[in-house]
Amino acid sequence: MVALYVSTALMALCWPLQMPPTPKAVLISLADNANDHGYCWPSLTKICERTCFGRTAVIEAVKWLEAHGAVRGDRSDRYRTTYVVTPANYAAGELVREANQSGRRTSSDDGVLVRLADDEVRQPDDEVREADTNRQEPSVTVKRSNRKAAPMTAASLDLSSWPEAPNPDLVNGWLKVRKAKRADVSEIVISAMAKQLRLAAAMGWSVDECLTECVLRNWQALKAEWLEPKRAGHGDQPPPNAPQSRTNRAAQNMQETADALIQRATALAHQGNQHGPDEAPHAELGWAAGA
């Protein structure tokens, strides 16, 4: 079992000593750790924990106690410091007390401890403050600015690689879709979009139509293969090299057959007008009826 040395007699000798508060607290802590002969060896960290003072304040307090004879430090051992509490050697020195012993505040005047009377007013210039004993090291954490970055718009983007200049409102709508999906807009994104827009242009889609499709379908990106090929202009022919689905081919065949029938019927009507109403060729009528 480890013996716990606490000298009550030594503590009783230390309590009456008059000195500044920080050295007094450190002295009481050392006396509480000391044996009957006044020896103790607590670490600075331990003294800081017991007195609630910072490391710098404790070091200064130990120096003050050693200078006034209340403590003697033995630092011959490189691993620890041995303190000897000697309250009998304490030299109060220039400690001065006013006649009124009921004073509540103390002040330092050229190193002389003075107790002030209750009715005495302390001047602001005479205020003596002890160094902050709980000072923290400056934080290395980088704080983010409270200012929000300006929203990205069509005017802030370089869209020169796109097949044609887009409508700024449609670009802003597309940017809002990407922002809602937490997708950034980088040069790589703009280049990839330009490639897909060129493929879509070969299928008959303009840049504005592609952007409109992205906004309506909530697409953050575009794939040309997602789009249906469009017919060129108002004619019936699809754009060159555009693939045709089976439904489109069937519709085209039906349209061609209907066009042929209309042309044949027109030709028969024209021949009927030339031969008269009762002289239309029966063979032609029979072919038309059979058709």
C-alpha atoms as a PDB file:
ATOM      1  CA  MET A   1       0.000   0.000   0.000  1.00  0.00           C
ATOM      2  CA  VAL A   2       1.268   3.468  -0.886  1.00  0.00           C
ATOM      3  CA  ALA A   3       1.484   5.756   2.113  1.00  0.00           C
ATOM      4  CA  LEU A   4      -0.259   9.122   1.839  1.00  0.00           C
ATOM      5  CA  TYR A   5       1.717  11.881   3.496  1.00  0.00           C
ATOM      6  CA  VAL A   6      -0.318  14.818   4.701  1.00  0.00           C
ATOM      7  CA  SER A   7       1.164  17.073   7.343  1.00  0.00           C
ATOM      8  CA  THR A   8      -1.589  18.762   9.287  1.00  0.00           C
ATOM      9  CA  ALA A   9       0.927  20.635  11.406  1.00  0.00           C
ATOM     10  CA  LEU A  10       2.638  22.032   8.317  1.00  0.00           C
ATOM     11  CA  MET A  11      -0.692  23.131   6.877  1.00  0.00           C
ATOM     12  CA  ALA A  12      -1.512  24.906  10.135  1.00  0.00           C
ATOM     13  CA  LEU A  13       1.737  26.886   9.857  1.00  0.00           C
ATOM     14  CA  CYS A  14       1.052  27.918   6.250  1.00  0.00           C
ATOM     15  CA  TRP A  15      -2.500  29.175   6.621  1.00  0.00           C
ATOM     16  CA  PRO A  16      -1.720  32.323   8.657  1.00  0.00           C
ATOM     17  CA  LEU A  17       0.974  33.538   6.228  1.00  0.00           C
ATOM     18  CA  GLN A  18      -0.015  36.694   4.361  1.00  0.00           C
ATOM     19  CA  MET A  19       0.902  36.767   0.640  1.00  0.00           C
ATOM     20  CA  PRO A  20      -0.697  37.232  -2.779  1.00  0.00           C
ATOM     21  CA  PRO A  21      -3.463  34.752  -3.647  1.00  0.00           C
ATOM     22  CA  THR A  22      -1.664  32.742  -6.332  1.00  0.00           C
ATOM     23  CA  PRO A  23       1.478  31.963  -4.280  1.00  0.00           C
ATOM     24  CA  LYS A  24      -0.739  31.255  -1.266  1.00  0.00           C
ATOM     25  CA  ALA A  25      -2.778  28.681  -3.217  1.00  0.00           C
ATOM     26  CA  VAL A  26       0.391  27.010  -4.528  1.00  0.00           C
ATOM     27  CA  LEU A  27       1.919  26.968  -1.037  1.00  0.00           C
ATOM     28  CA  ILE A  28      -1.174  25.309   0.452  1.00  0.00           C
ATOM     29  CA  SER A  29      -1.132  22.733  -2.348  1.00  0.00           C
ATOM     30  CA  LEU A  30       2.530  21.913  -1.685  1.00  0.00           C
ATOM     31  CA  ALA A  31       1.941  21.730   2.067  1.00  0.00           C
ATOM     32  CA  ASP A  32      -0.987  19.385   1.494  1.00  0.00           C
ATOM     33  CA  ASN A  33       1.326  17.059  -0.478  1.00  0.00           C
ATOM     34  CA  ALA A  34       4.290  17.332   1.918  1.00  0.00           C
ATOM     35  CA  ASN A  35       5.281  14.919   4.667  1.00  0.00           C
ATOM     36  CA  ASP A  36       6.035  15.946   8.256  1.00  0.00           C
ATOM     37  CA  HIS A  37       9.469  17.173   7.181  1.00  0.00           C
ATOM     38  CA  GLY A  38       8.021  19.405   4.459  1.00  0.00           C
ATOM     39  CA  TYR A  39       9.240  17.358   1.460  1.00  0.00           C
ATOM     40  CA  CYS A  40       7.062  16.818  -1.595  1.00  0.00           C
ATOM     41  CA  TRP A  41       7.604  16.381  -5.369  1.00  0.00           C
ATOM     42  CA  PRO A  42       4.350  17.052  -7.271  1.00  0.00           C
ATOM     43  CA  SER A  43       4.581  17.842 -10.970  1.00  0.00           C
ATOM     44  CA  LEU A  44       3.626  21.208 -12.370  1.00  0.00           C
ATOM     45  CA  THR A  45       0.636  19.561 -14.068  1.00  0.00           C
ATOM     46  CA  LYS A  46      -0.563  18.245 -10.705  1.00  0.00           C
ATOM     47  CA  ILE A  47      -0.192  21.646  -9.053  1.00  0.00           C
ATOM     48  CA  CYS A  48      -2.135  23.269 -11.924  1.00  0.00           C
ATOM     49  CA  GLU A  49      -4.950  20.761 -11.493  1.00  0.00           C
ATOM     50  CA  ARG A  50      -5.175  21.320  -7.736  1.00  0.00           C
ATOM     51  CA  THR A  51      -4.982  25.135  -7.800  1.00  0.00           C
ATOM     52  CA  CYS A  52      -6.894  25.729 -11.069  1.00  0.00           C
ATOM     53  CA  PHE A  53      -4.121  28.040 -12.259  1.00  0.00           C
ATOM     54  CA  GLY A  54      -2.279  27.918 -15.542  1.00  0.00           C
ATOM     55  CA  ARG A  55       1.240  26.592 -15.937  1.00  0.00           C
ATOM     56  CA  THR A  56       2.811  30.042 -16.278  1.00  0.00           C
ATOM     57  CA  ALA A  57       1.057  31.342 -13.151  1.00  0.00           C
ATOM     58  CA  VAL A  58       2.204  28.314 -11.115  1.00  0.00           C
ATOM     59  CA  ILE A  59       5.827  28.721 -12.241  1.00  0.00           C
ATOM     60  CA  GLU A  60       5.782  32.413 -11.273  1.00  0.00           C
ATOM     61  CA  ALA A  61       4.191  31.567  -7.915  1.00  0.00           C
ATOM     62  CA  VAL A  62       6.898  28.964  -7.146  1.00  0.00           C
ATOM     63  CA  LYS A  63       9.581  31.532  -7.970  1.00  0.00           C
ATOM     64  CA  TRP A  64       7.911  34.042  -5.639  1.00  0.00           C
ATOM     65  CA  LEU A  65       7.716  31.500  -2.806  1.00  0.00           C
ATOM     66  CA  GLU A  66      11.369  30.566  -3.241  1.00  0.00           C
ATOM     67  CA  ALA A  67      12.406  34.237  -3.291  1.00  0.00           C
ATOM     68  CA  HIS A  68      10.551  34.837   0.005  1.00  0.00           C
ATOM     69  CA  GLY A  69      11.818  31.707   1.726  1.00  0.00           C
ATOM     70  CA  ALA A  70       8.492  29.863   2.018  1.00  0.00           C
ATOM     71  CA  VAL A  71       9.605  27.074  -0.330  1.00  0.00           C
ATOM     72  CA  ARG A  72      12.964  25.644  -1.329  1.00  0.00           C
ATOM     73  CA  GLY A  73      13.300  23.770  -4.623  1.00  0.00           C
ATOM     74  CA  ASP A  74      15.817  20.988  -5.283  1.00  0.00           C
ATOM     75  CA  ARG A  75      16.283  20.444  -9.030  1.00  0.00           C
ATOM     76  CA  SER A  76      19.334  18.220  -8.929  1.00  0.00           C
ATOM     77  CA  ASP A  77      17.249  15.289 -10.179  1.00  0.00           C
ATOM     78  CA  ARG A  78      16.597  15.748 -13.873  1.00  0.00           C
ATOM     79  CA  TYR A  79      13.357  13.772 -13.704  1.00  0.00           C
ATOM     80  CA  ARG A  80      11.589  15.619 -10.874  1.00  0.00           C
ATOM     81  CA  THR A  81      11.798  18.661  -8.617  1.00  0.00           C
ATOM     82  CA  THR A  82      11.690  18.178  -4.879  1.00  0.00           C
ATOM     83  CA  TYR A  83      10.083  20.980  -2.925  1.00  0.00           C
ATOM     84  CA  VAL A  84      10.680  21.668   0.758  1.00  0.00           C
ATOM     85  CA  VAL A  85       7.969  23.724   2.426  1.00  0.00           C
ATOM     86  CA  THR A  86       9.564  26.032   5.023  1.00  0.00           C
ATOM     87  CA  PRO A  87       6.905  28.354   6.460  1.00  0.00           C
ATOM     88  CA  ALA A  88       9.198  29.294   9.329  1.00  0.00           C
ATOM     89  CA  ASN A  89      11.657  30.873   6.874  1.00  0.00           C
ATOM     90  CA  TYR A  90       9.028  32.959   5.170  1.00  0.00           C
ATOM     91  CA  ALA A  91       9.976  36.597   5.161  1.00  0.00           C
ATOM     92  CA  ALA A  92       6.874  38.760   5.027  1.00  0.00           C
ATOM     93  CA  GLY A  93       9.310  41.543   4.337  1.00  0.00           C
ATOM     94  CA  GLU A  94       7.573  44.736   3.309  1.00  0.00           C
ATOM     95  CA  LEU A  95       4.035  43.554   3.910  1.00  0.00           C
ATOM     96  CA  VAL A  96       2.089  46.530   5.282  1.00  0.00           C
ATOM     97  CA  ARG A  97      -1.368  46.544   6.826  1.00  0.00           C
ATOM     98  CA  GLU A  98      -3.651  49.498   7.244  1.00  0.00           C
ATOM     99  CA  ALA A  99      -5.257  50.232  10.586  1.00  0.00           C
ATOM    100  CA  ASN A 100      -8.614  48.954   9.377  1.00  0.00           C
ATOM    101  CA  GLN A 101      -8.295  45.176   9.236  1.00  0.00           C
ATOM    102  CA  SER A 102     -11.702  44.728   7.651  1.00  0.00           C
ATOM    103  CA  GLY A 103     -10.476  45.680   4.178  1.00  0.00           C
ATOM    104  CA  ARG A 104     -11.529  43.348   1.402  1.00  0.00           C
ATOM    105  CA  ARG A 105      -9.184  44.248  -1.429  1.00  0.00           C
ATOM    106  CA  THR A 106      -5.440  44.237  -1.856  1.00  0.00           C
ATOM    107  CA  SER A 107      -3.220  46.293  -4.121  1.00  0.00           C
ATOM    108  CA  SER A 108       0.458  46.224  -4.990  1.00  0.00           C
ATOM    109  CA  ASP A 109       2.462  49.438  -4.664  1.00  0.00           C
ATOM    110  CA  ASP A 110       6.052  49.011  -5.867  1.00  0.00           C
ATOM    111  CA  GLY A 111       6.046  45.428  -4.720  1.00  0.00           C
ATOM    112  CA  VAL A 112       4.585  46.259  -1.286  1.00  0.00           C
ATOM    113  CA  LEU A 113       1.352  44.490  -0.380  1.00  0.00           C
ATOM    114  CA  VAL A 114      -1.210  46.951   1.001  1.00  0.00           C
ATOM    115  CA  ARG A 115      -4.670  46.180   2.403  1.00  0.00           C
ATOM    116  CA  LEU A 116      -7.216  48.869   1.604  1.00  0.00           C
ATOM    117  CA  ALA A 117      -9.964  50.088   3.929  1.00  0.00           C
ATOM    118  CA  ASP A 118     -13.626  49.583   3.099  1.00  0.00           C
ATOM    119  CA  ASP A 119     -14.247  53.313   2.547  1.00  0.00           C
ATOM    120  CA  GLU A 120     -11.234  53.820   0.323  1.00  0.00           C
ATOM    121  CA  VAL A 121     -11.861  54.196  -3.404  1.00  0.00           C
ATOM    122  CA  ARG A 122      -9.426  52.489  -5.718  1.00  0.00           C
ATOM    123  CA  GLN A 123      -8.355  54.606  -8.686  1.00  0.00           C
ATOM    124  CA  PRO A 124      -8.420  52.914 -12.092  1.00  0.00           C
ATOM    125  CA  ASP A 125      -4.712  53.692 -12.651  1.00  0.00           C
ATOM    126  CA  ASP A 126      -3.838  51.793  -9.464  1.00  0.00           C
ATOM    127  CA  GLU A 127      -5.563  48.625 -10.629  1.00  0.00           C
ATOM    128  CA  VAL A 128      -3.138  45.741 -10.743  1.00  0.00           C
ATOM    129  CA  ARG A 129      -4.315  42.635 -12.535  1.00  0.00           C
ATOM    130  CA  GLU A 130      -2.700  39.282 -12.426  1.00  0.00           C
ATOM    131  CA  ALA A 131      -1.806  37.672 -15.712  1.00  0.00           C
ATOM    132  CA  ASP A 132      -4.487  35.519 -17.268  1.00  0.00           C
ATOM    133  CA  THR A 133      -3.820  32.057 -15.873  1.00  0.00           C
ATOM    134  CA  ASN A 134      -6.098  30.261 -18.262  1.00  0.00           C
ATOM    135  CA  ARG A 135      -4.872  31.682 -21.527  1.00  0.00           C
ATOM    136  CA  GLN A 136      -5.353  29.369 -24.457  1.00  0.00           C
ATOM    137  CA  GLU A 137      -3.119  28.986 -27.457  1.00  0.00           C
ATOM    138  CA  PRO A 138      -4.445  30.599 -30.635  1.00  0.00           C
ATOM    139  CA  SER A 139      -6.594  28.252 -32.620  1.00  0.00           C
ATOM    140  CA  VAL A 140      -5.172  26.905 -35.883  1.00  0.00           C
ATOM    141  CA  THR A 141      -8.615  26.039 -37.185  1.00  0.00           C
ATOM    142  CA  VAL A 142      -9.473  27.982 -40.293  1.00  0.00           C
ATOM    143  CA  LYS A 143     -12.935  29.448 -39.973  1.00  0.00           C
ATOM    144  CA  ARG A 144     -15.072  29.611 -43.041  1.00  0.00           C
ATOM    145  CA  SER A 145     -16.259  32.989 -44.123  1.00  0.00           C
ATOM    146  CA  ASN A 146     -19.866  33.821 -43.411  1.00  0.00           C
ATOM    147  CA  ARG A 147     -20.181  35.356 -46.828  1.00  0.00           C
ATOM    148  CA  LYS A 148     -21.853  33.112 -49.362  1.00  0.00           C
ATOM    149  CA  ALA A 149     -20.301  32.628 -52.771  1.00  0.00           C
ATOM    150  CA  ALA A 150     -22.050  34.332 -55.653  1.00  0.00           C
ATOM    151  CA  PRO A 151     -24.415  31.937 -57.456  1.00  0.00           C
ATOM    152  CA  MET A 152     -23.160  30.581 -60.768  1.00  0.00           C
ATOM    153  CA  THR A 153     -24.984  31.950 -63.808  1.00  0.00           C
ATOM    154  CA  ALA A 154     -24.778  31.650 -67.585  1.00  0.00           C
ATOM    155  CA  ALA A 155     -22.770  34.873 -67.749  1.00  0.00           C
ATOM    156  CA  SER A 156     -20.007  33.358 -65.581  1.00  0.00           C
ATOM    157  CA  LEU A 157     -19.543  30.263 -67.784  1.00  0.00           C
ATOM    158  CA  ASP A 158     -17.473  29.822 -70.934  1.00  0.00           C
ATOM    159  CA  LEU A 159     -19.833  28.050 -73.337  1.00  0.00           C
ATOM    160  CA  SER A 160     -17.853  28.743 -76.515  1.00  0.00           C
ATOM    161  CA  SER A 161     -17.357  24.998 -77.068  1.00  0.00           C
ATOM    162  CA  TRP A 162     -21.103  24.421 -77.490  1.00  0.00           C
ATOM    163  CA  PRO A 163     -22.514  24.163 -81.039  1.00  0.00           C
ATOM    164  CA  GLU A 164     -24.455  27.430 -80.674  1.00  0.00           C
ATOM    165  CA  ALA A 165     -25.035  30.160 -78.110  1.00  0.00           C
ATOM    166  CA  PRO A 166     -27.788  29.056 -75.705  1.00  0.00           C
ATOM    167  CA  ASN A 167     -30.595  31.049 -74.125  1.00  0.00           C
ATOM    168  CA  PRO A 168     -29.227  32.356 -70.786  1.00  0.00           C
ATOM    169  CA  ASP A 169     -32.521  31.650 -69.004  1.00  0.00           C
ATOM    170  CA  LEU A 170     -32.400  27.999 -70.088  1.00  0.00           C
ATOM    171  CA  VAL A 171     -28.782  27.724 -68.944  1.00  0.00           C
ATOM    172  CA  ASN A 172     -29.715  29.169 -65.543  1.00  0.00           C
ATOM    173  CA  GLY A 173     -32.557  26.675 -65.281  1.00  0.00           C
ATOM    174  CA  TRP A 174     -30.158  23.822 -66.013  1.00  0.00           C
ATOM    175  CA  LEU A 175     -27.728  25.175 -63.390  1.00  0.00           C
ATOM    176  CA  LYS A 176     -30.526  25.187 -60.803  1.00  0.00           C
ATOM    177  CA  VAL A 177     -31.194  21.522 -61.539  1.00  0.00           C
ATOM    178  CA  ARG A 178     -27.526  20.692 -60.968  1.00  0.00           C
ATOM    179  CA  LYS A 179     -27.424  22.788 -57.775  1.00  0.00           C
ATOM    180  CA  ALA A 180     -30.477  20.977 -56.403  1.00  0.00           C
ATOM    181  CA  LYS A 181     -28.645  17.690 -56.973  1.00  0.00           C
ATOM    182  CA  ARG A 182     -25.411  19.047 -55.431  1.00  0.00           C
ATOM    183  CA  ALA A 183     -23.557  18.660 -58.747  1.00  0.00           C
ATOM    184  CA  ASP A 184     -20.887  21.239 -59.485  1.00  0.00           C
ATOM    185  CA  VAL A 185     -20.211  22.747 -62.905  1.00  0.00           C
ATOM    186  CA  SER A 186     -16.591  22.458 -63.984  1.00  0.00           C
ATOM    187  CA  GLU A 187     -14.758  22.723 -67.287  1.00  0.00           C
ATOM    188  CA  ILE A 188     -14.987  18.950 -67.628  1.00  0.00           C
ATOM    189  CA  VAL A 189     -18.778  19.109 -67.283  1.00  0.00           C
ATOM    190  CA  ILE A 190     -19.016  21.898 -69.885  1.00  0.00           C
ATOM    191  CA  SER A 191     -16.816  19.930 -72.340  1.00  0.00           C
ATOM    192  CA  ALA A 192     -18.828  16.727 -71.866  1.00  0.00           C
ATOM    193  CA  MET A 193     -22.049  18.671 -72.374  1.00  0.00           C
ATOM    194  CA  ALA A 194     -20.650  20.186 -75.603  1.00  0.00           C
ATOM    195  CA  LYS A 195     -19.922  16.715 -76.994  1.00  0.00           C
ATOM    196  CA  GLN A 196     -23.452  15.503 -76.303  1.00  0.00           C
ATOM    197  CA  LEU A 197     -24.969  18.690 -77.736  1.00  0.00           C
ATOM    198  CA  ARG A 198     -23.081  18.137 -81.003  1.00  0.00           C
ATOM    199  CA  LEU A 199     -24.416  14.584 -81.211  1.00  0.00           C
ATOM    200  CA  ALA A 200     -27.924  15.865 -80.480  1.00  0.00           C
ATOM    201  CA  ALA A 201     -27.550  18.528 -83.194  1.00  0.00           C
ATOM    202  CA  ALA A 202     -26.889  15.756 -85.740  1.00  0.00           C
ATOM    203  CA  MET A 203     -30.230  14.280 -84.693  1.00  0.00           C
ATOM    204  CA  GLY A 204     -32.047  17.563 -85.284  1.00  0.00           C
ATOM    205  CA  TRP A 205     -32.015  18.986 -81.740  1.00  0.00           C
ATOM    206  CA  SER A 206     -30.944  22.555 -81.036  1.00  0.00           C
ATOM    207  CA  VAL A 207     -29.043  23.563 -77.905  1.00  0.00           C
ATOM    208  CA  ASP A 208     -32.064  25.369 -76.454  1.00  0.00           C
ATOM    209  CA  GLU A 209     -34.272  22.315 -77.081  1.00  0.00           C
ATOM    210  CA  CYS A 210     -31.752  20.087 -75.313  1.00  0.00           C
ATOM    211  CA  LEU A 211     -31.590  22.433 -72.317  1.00  0.00           C
ATOM    212  CA  THR A 212     -35.380  22.603 -72.191  1.00  0.00           C
ATOM    213  CA  GLU A 213     -35.520  18.808 -72.133  1.00  0.00           C
ATOM    214  CA  CYS A 214     -32.972  18.720 -69.295  1.00  0.00           C
ATOM    215  CA  VAL A 215     -34.973  21.203 -67.208  1.00  0.00           C
ATOM    216  CA  LEU A 216     -38.339  19.506 -67.831  1.00  0.00           C
ATOM    217  CA  ARG A 217     -37.004  16.011 -67.150  1.00  0.00           C
ATOM    218  CA  ASN A 218     -34.792  17.147 -64.245  1.00  0.00           C
ATOM    219  CA  TRP A 219     -31.605  15.926 -65.944  1.00  0.00           C
ATOM    220  CA  GLN A 220     -28.349  17.180 -64.511  1.00  0.00           C
ATOM    221  CA  ALA A 221     -26.535  15.935 -67.647  1.00  0.00           C
ATOM    222  CA  LEU A 222     -27.432  15.039 -71.219  1.00  0.00           C
ATOM    223  CA  LYS A 223     -26.974  11.905 -73.296  1.00  0.00           C
ATOM    224  CA  ALA A 224     -27.817  12.184 -76.960  1.00  0.00           C
ATOM    225  CA  GLU A 225     -29.040   8.589 -76.950  1.00  0.00           C
ATOM    226  CA  TRP A 226     -31.832   9.631 -74.587  1.00  0.00           C
ATOM    227  CA  LEU A 227     -33.353  11.807 -77.328  1.00  0.00           C
ATOM    228  CA  GLU A 228     -35.599  10.667 -80.182  1.00  0.00           C
ATOM    229  CA  PRO A 229     -34.305  11.618 -83.654  1.00  0.00           C
ATOM    230  CA  LYS A 230     -36.259  14.535 -85.098  1.00  0.00           C
ATOM    231  CA  ARG A 231     -37.316  15.015 -88.785  1.00  0.00           C
ATOM    232  CA  ALA A 232     -35.563  17.768 -90.670  1.00  0.00           C
ATOM    233  CA  GLY A 233     -37.769  20.820 -91.218  1.00  0.00           C
ATOM    234  CA  HIS A 234     -41.404  20.143 -92.123  1.00  0.00           C
ATOM    235  CA  GLY A 235     -40.769  17.415 -94.725  1.00  0.00           C
ATOM    236  CA  ASP A 236     -41.297  13.697 -94.415  1.00  0.00           C
ATOM    237  CA  GLN A 237     -37.653  12.623 -94.726  1.00  0.00           C
ATOM    238  CA  PRO A 238     -35.600  11.974 -91.569  1.00  0.00           C
ATOM    239  CA  PRO A 239     -32.178  13.557 -91.183  1.00  0.00           C
ATOM    240  CA  PRO A 240     -29.273  11.742 -92.886  1.00  0.00           C
ATOM    241  CA  ASN A 241     -27.933   8.627 -91.140  1.00  0.00           C
ATOM    242  CA  ALA A 242     -30.678   8.871 -88.491  1.00  0.00           C
ATOM    243  CA  PRO A 243     -31.839   5.416 -87.344  1.00  0.00           C
ATOM    244  CA  GLN A 244     -35.497   4.526 -87.947  1.00  0.00           C
ATOM    245  CA  SER A 245     -37.625   2.492 -85.643  1.00  0.00           C
ATOM    246  CA  ARG A 246     -39.935  -0.292 -86.887  1.00  0.00           C
ATOM    247  CA  THR A 247     -43.010   1.873 -86.254  1.00  0.00           C
ATOM    248  CA  ASN A 248     -41.572   4.735 -88.283  1.00  0.00           C
ATOM    249  CA  ARG A 249     -40.761   2.457 -91.201  1.00  0.00           C
ATOM    250  CA  ALA A 250     -44.311   0.990 -91.204  1.00  0.00           C
ATOM    251  CA  ALA A 251     -45.841   4.464 -91.128  1.00  0.00           C
ATOM    252  CA  GLN A 252     -43.634   5.556 -93.991  1.00  0.00           C
ATOM    253  CA  ASN A 253     -44.674   2.512 -96.093  1.00  0.00           C
ATOM    254  CA  MET A 254     -48.347   3.191 -95.458  1.00  0.00           C
ATOM    255  CA  GLN A 255     -47.897   6.824 -96.442  1.00  0.00           C
ATOM    256  CA  GLU A 256     -46.150   5.831 -99.668  1.00  0.00           C
ATOM    257  CA  THR A 257     -48.983   3.362-100.544  1.00  0.00           C
ATOM    258  CA  ALA A 258     -51.623   5.996 -99.876  1.00  0.00           C
ATOM    259  CA  ASP A 259     -49.773   8.498-102.048  1.00  0.00           C
ATOM    260  CA  ALA A 260     -49.613   5.963-104.900  1.00  0.00           C
ATOM    261  CA  LEU A 261     -53.338   5.257-104.690  1.00  0.00           C
ATOM    262  CA  ILE A 262     -54.167   8.944-104.748  1.00  0.00           C
ATOM    263  CA  GLN A 263     -51.973   9.491-107.802  1.00  0.00           C
ATOM    264  CA  ARG A 264     -53.576   6.499-109.630  1.00  0.00           C
ATOM    265  CA  ALA A 265     -57.101   7.643-108.825  1.00  0.00           C
ATOM    266  CA  THR A 266     -56.267  11.117-110.107  1.00  0.00           C
ATOM    267  CA  ALA A 267     -54.940   9.645-113.344  1.00  0.00           C
ATOM    268  CA  LEU A 268     -58.106   7.547-113.844  1.00  0.00           C
ATOM    269  CA  ALA A 269     -60.317  10.553-113.278  1.00  0.00           C
ATOM    270  CA  HIS A 270     -58.342  12.472-115.884  1.00  0.00           C
ATOM    271  CA  GLN A 271     -58.773   9.657-118.447  1.00  0.00           C
ATOM    272  CA  GLY A 272     -62.498   9.516-117.737  1.00  0.00           C
ATOM    273  CA  ASN A 273     -62.851  13.171-118.592  1.00  0.00           C
ATOM    274  CA  GLN A 274     -61.149  12.568-121.961  1.00  0.00           C
ATOM    275  CA  HIS A 275     -63.375   9.561-123.065  1.00  0.00           C
ATOM    276  CA  GLY A 276     -66.630  10.878-121.666  1.00  0.00           C
ATOM    277  CA  PRO A 277     -68.679   9.720-118.752  1.00  0.00           C
ATOM    278  CA  ASP A 278     -69.706   6.376-120.367  1.00  0.00           C
ATOM    279  CA  GLU A 279     -66.445   5.489-122.134  1.00  0.00           C
ATOM    280  CA  ALA A 280     -64.062   5.024-119.202  1.00  0.00           C
ATOM    281  CA  PRO A 281     -61.878   1.944-119.778  1.00  0.00           C
ATOM    282  CA  HIS A 282     -63.320  -1.037-117.952  1.00  0.00           C
ATOM    283  CA  ALA A 283     -59.896  -2.546-117.394  1.00  0.00           C
ATOM    284  CA  GLU A 284     -58.699   0.486-115.561  1.00  0.00           C
ATOM    285  CA  LEU A 285     -61.858   0.588-113.433  1.00  0.00           C
ATOM    286  CA  GLY A 286     -61.489  -3.067-112.654  1.00  0.00           C
ATOM    287  CA  TRP A 287     -57.864  -2.510-111.544  1.00  0.00           C
ATOM    288  CA  ALA A 288     -58.927   0.369-109.372  1.00  0.00           C
ATOM    289  CA  ALA A 289     -61.755  -1.673-107.890  1.00  0.00           C
ATOM    290  CA  GLY A 290     -59.417  -4.586-107.308  1.00  0.00           C
ATOM    291  CA  ALA A 291     -56.934  -2.286-105.662  1.00  0.00           C
END
